[in-house]
């Protein structure tokens, strides 16, 4: 296979994937981030840099417990 064919297949796949993602996305990204931030605020979690690492570790622990 020629390199140009591989390159065009990769670029075509990326464009198709982006188009499908945009068409089937349930909400705008900013809306989703806003909802996540609201839920975390209700639970008393602030998104400061130091707290973010703790939050990630807590989420990892909860995921590992459920698996």
N, C-alpha and C. Protein backbone atom coordinates (compact mmCIF):
# COMPACT_ATOMS: atom_id res chain seq x y z
N UNK A 1 0.84 -1.18 0.00
CA UNK A 1 0.00 0.00 0.00
C UNK A 1 0.88 1.24 0.00
N UNK A 2 0.50 2.22 -0.76
CA UNK A 2 1.29 3.44 -0.84
C UNK A 2 1.04 4.29 0.39
N UNK A 3 2.04 5.05 0.75
CA UNK A 3 1.95 5.91 1.93
C UNK A 3 0.83 6.93 1.80
N UNK A 4 0.59 7.41 0.60
CA UNK A 4 -0.46 8.41 0.39
C UNK A 4 -1.84 7.81 0.66
N UNK A 5 -2.01 6.52 0.37
CA UNK A 5 -3.28 5.86 0.63
C UNK A 5 -3.51 5.71 2.14
N UNK A 6 -2.47 5.35 2.85
CA UNK A 6 -2.56 5.21 4.30
C UNK A 6 -2.87 6.56 4.93
N UNK A 7 -2.17 7.59 4.50
CA UNK A 7 -2.37 8.93 5.02
C UNK A 7 -3.78 9.43 4.74
N UNK A 8 -4.26 9.21 3.54
CA UNK A 8 -5.61 9.66 3.21
C UNK A 8 -6.67 8.87 3.98
N UNK A 9 -6.42 7.59 4.25
CA UNK A 9 -7.35 6.79 5.05
C UNK A 9 -7.40 7.29 6.49
N UNK A 10 -6.25 7.64 7.05
CA UNK A 10 -6.20 8.15 8.43
C UNK A 10 -6.92 9.49 8.51
N UNK A 11 -6.65 10.37 7.59
CA UNK A 11 -7.29 11.70 7.60
C UNK A 11 -8.80 11.56 7.37
N UNK A 12 -9.19 10.71 6.44
CA UNK A 12 -10.61 10.48 6.18
C UNK A 12 -11.32 9.90 7.40
N UNK A 13 -10.67 8.97 8.09
CA UNK A 13 -11.25 8.38 9.30
C UNK A 13 -11.39 9.40 10.41
N UNK A 14 -10.40 10.27 10.55
CA UNK A 14 -10.47 11.31 11.58
C UNK A 14 -11.61 12.29 11.30
N UNK A 15 -11.77 12.66 10.04
CA UNK A 15 -12.85 13.58 9.67
C UNK A 15 -14.21 12.92 9.90
N UNK A 16 -14.34 11.66 9.50
CA UNK A 16 -15.61 10.95 9.68
C UNK A 16 -15.92 10.80 11.17
N UNK A 17 -14.92 10.47 11.98
CA UNK A 17 -15.12 10.32 13.41
C UNK A 17 -15.55 11.61 14.07
N UNK A 18 -14.93 12.70 13.67
CA UNK A 18 -15.30 14.01 14.22
C UNK A 18 -16.72 14.39 13.83
N UNK A 19 -17.08 14.11 12.59
CA UNK A 19 -18.44 14.44 12.13
C UNK A 19 -19.49 13.63 12.89
N UNK A 20 -19.24 12.34 13.06
CA UNK A 20 -20.19 11.49 13.79
C UNK A 20 -20.27 11.94 15.25
N UNK A 21 -19.15 12.28 15.84
CA UNK A 21 -19.14 12.76 17.22
C UNK A 21 -19.95 14.03 17.39
N UNK A 22 -19.84 14.94 16.45
CA UNK A 22 -20.60 16.18 16.52
C UNK A 22 -22.09 15.94 16.31
N UNK A 23 -22.42 15.02 15.44
CA UNK A 23 -23.84 14.76 15.15
C UNK A 23 -24.55 14.03 16.29
N UNK A 24 -23.84 13.16 16.98
CA UNK A 24 -24.48 12.34 18.00
C UNK A 24 -24.16 12.76 19.44
N UNK A 25 -23.46 13.85 19.63
CA UNK A 25 -23.16 14.32 20.99
C UNK A 25 -24.46 14.73 21.67
N UNK A 26 -24.68 14.26 22.91
CA UNK A 26 -25.95 14.55 23.57
C UNK A 26 -26.10 16.02 23.96
N UNK A 27 -25.02 16.67 24.33
CA UNK A 27 -25.05 18.07 24.75
C UNK A 27 -23.74 18.75 24.38
N UNK A 28 -23.75 20.06 24.49
CA UNK A 28 -22.52 20.81 24.27
C UNK A 28 -21.56 20.49 25.42
N UNK A 29 -20.28 20.51 25.14
CA UNK A 29 -19.27 20.23 26.16
C UNK A 29 -19.34 21.20 27.33
N UNK A 30 -19.60 22.47 27.04
CA UNK A 30 -19.68 23.46 28.13
C UNK A 30 -20.85 23.17 29.05
N UNK A 31 -21.97 22.68 28.49
CA UNK A 31 -23.12 22.32 29.31
C UNK A 31 -22.80 21.12 30.21
N UNK A 32 -22.12 20.14 29.65
CA UNK A 32 -21.74 18.96 30.42
C UNK A 32 -20.78 19.33 31.54
N UNK A 33 -19.77 20.15 31.24
CA UNK A 33 -18.82 20.57 32.27
C UNK A 33 -19.52 21.36 33.37
N UNK A 34 -20.47 22.19 32.98
CA UNK A 34 -21.23 22.98 33.95
C UNK A 34 -22.03 22.07 34.88
N UNK A 35 -22.67 21.05 34.33
CA UNK A 35 -23.44 20.12 35.15
C UNK A 35 -22.53 19.37 36.12
N UNK A 36 -21.38 18.94 35.66
CA UNK A 36 -20.44 18.23 36.52
C UNK A 36 -19.99 19.14 37.65
N UNK A 37 -19.66 20.38 37.33
CA UNK A 37 -19.22 21.33 38.36
C UNK A 37 -20.33 21.60 39.37
N UNK A 38 -21.58 21.71 38.92
CA UNK A 38 -22.71 21.94 39.82
C UNK A 38 -22.89 20.77 40.78
N UNK A 39 -22.80 19.55 40.26
CA UNK A 39 -22.95 18.36 41.10
C UNK A 39 -21.84 18.31 42.14
N UNK A 40 -20.62 18.62 41.73
CA UNK A 40 -19.50 18.60 42.67
C UNK A 40 -19.66 19.68 43.73
N UNK A 41 -20.14 20.86 43.35
CA UNK A 41 -20.37 21.92 44.33
C UNK A 41 -21.43 21.52 45.35
N UNK A 42 -22.48 20.84 44.89
CA UNK A 42 -23.53 20.38 45.79
C UNK A 42 -22.98 19.38 46.81
N UNK A 43 -21.99 18.62 46.41
CA UNK A 43 -21.37 17.65 47.31
C UNK A 43 -20.26 18.28 48.14
N UNK A 44 -20.03 19.57 47.97
CA UNK A 44 -19.02 20.27 48.75
C UNK A 44 -17.61 20.10 48.25
N UNK A 45 -17.47 19.76 46.99
CA UNK A 45 -16.14 19.56 46.41
C UNK A 45 -15.81 20.77 45.55
N UNK A 46 -14.70 21.43 45.87
CA UNK A 46 -14.26 22.55 45.04
C UNK A 46 -13.19 22.05 44.07
N UNK A 47 -13.09 22.67 42.93
CA UNK A 47 -12.18 22.22 41.90
C UNK A 47 -10.88 23.01 41.89
N UNK A 48 -10.26 23.13 43.04
CA UNK A 48 -8.95 23.78 43.11
C UNK A 48 -7.89 22.77 42.72
N UNK A 49 -6.73 23.25 42.32
CA UNK A 49 -5.69 22.36 41.80
C UNK A 49 -5.30 21.27 42.80
N UNK A 50 -5.10 21.63 44.05
CA UNK A 50 -4.72 20.63 45.06
C UNK A 50 -5.81 19.62 45.30
N UNK A 51 -7.05 20.07 45.26
CA UNK A 51 -8.18 19.19 45.51
C UNK A 51 -8.44 18.26 44.32
N UNK A 52 -8.04 18.68 43.15
CA UNK A 52 -8.32 17.89 41.95
C UNK A 52 -7.64 16.53 42.03
N UNK A 53 -6.41 16.48 42.52
CA UNK A 53 -5.71 15.20 42.64
C UNK A 53 -6.42 14.29 43.63
N UNK A 54 -6.90 14.86 44.74
CA UNK A 54 -7.64 14.07 45.71
C UNK A 54 -8.92 13.52 45.09
N UNK A 55 -9.59 14.35 44.31
CA UNK A 55 -10.83 13.93 43.66
C UNK A 55 -10.56 12.79 42.69
N UNK A 56 -9.50 12.89 41.92
CA UNK A 56 -9.16 11.83 40.97
C UNK A 56 -8.88 10.53 41.70
N UNK A 57 -8.15 10.60 42.81
CA UNK A 57 -7.86 9.40 43.58
C UNK A 57 -9.13 8.80 44.16
N UNK A 58 -10.03 9.64 44.65
CA UNK A 58 -11.30 9.16 45.21
C UNK A 58 -12.14 8.47 44.13
N UNK A 59 -12.18 9.06 42.96
CA UNK A 59 -12.94 8.45 41.86
C UNK A 59 -12.32 7.12 41.45
N UNK A 60 -11.00 7.06 41.40
CA UNK A 60 -10.32 5.81 41.06
C UNK A 60 -10.65 4.72 42.09
N UNK A 61 -10.64 5.08 43.37
CA UNK A 61 -10.96 4.12 44.41
C UNK A 61 -12.38 3.59 44.26
N UNK A 62 -13.32 4.48 44.00
CA UNK A 62 -14.71 4.07 43.84
C UNK A 62 -14.89 3.18 42.62
N UNK A 63 -14.19 3.49 41.54
CA UNK A 63 -14.28 2.64 40.34
C UNK A 63 -13.70 1.26 40.62
N UNK A 64 -12.57 1.24 41.29
CA UNK A 64 -11.95 -0.05 41.61
C UNK A 64 -12.82 -0.90 42.54
N UNK A 65 -13.54 -0.27 43.45
CA UNK A 65 -14.42 -0.99 44.36
C UNK A 65 -15.59 -1.61 43.60
N UNK A 66 -16.11 -0.91 42.60
CA UNK A 66 -17.26 -1.42 41.85
C UNK A 66 -16.86 -2.50 40.86
N UNK A 67 -15.61 -2.48 40.43
CA UNK A 67 -15.16 -3.50 39.47
C UNK A 67 -14.75 -4.70 40.24
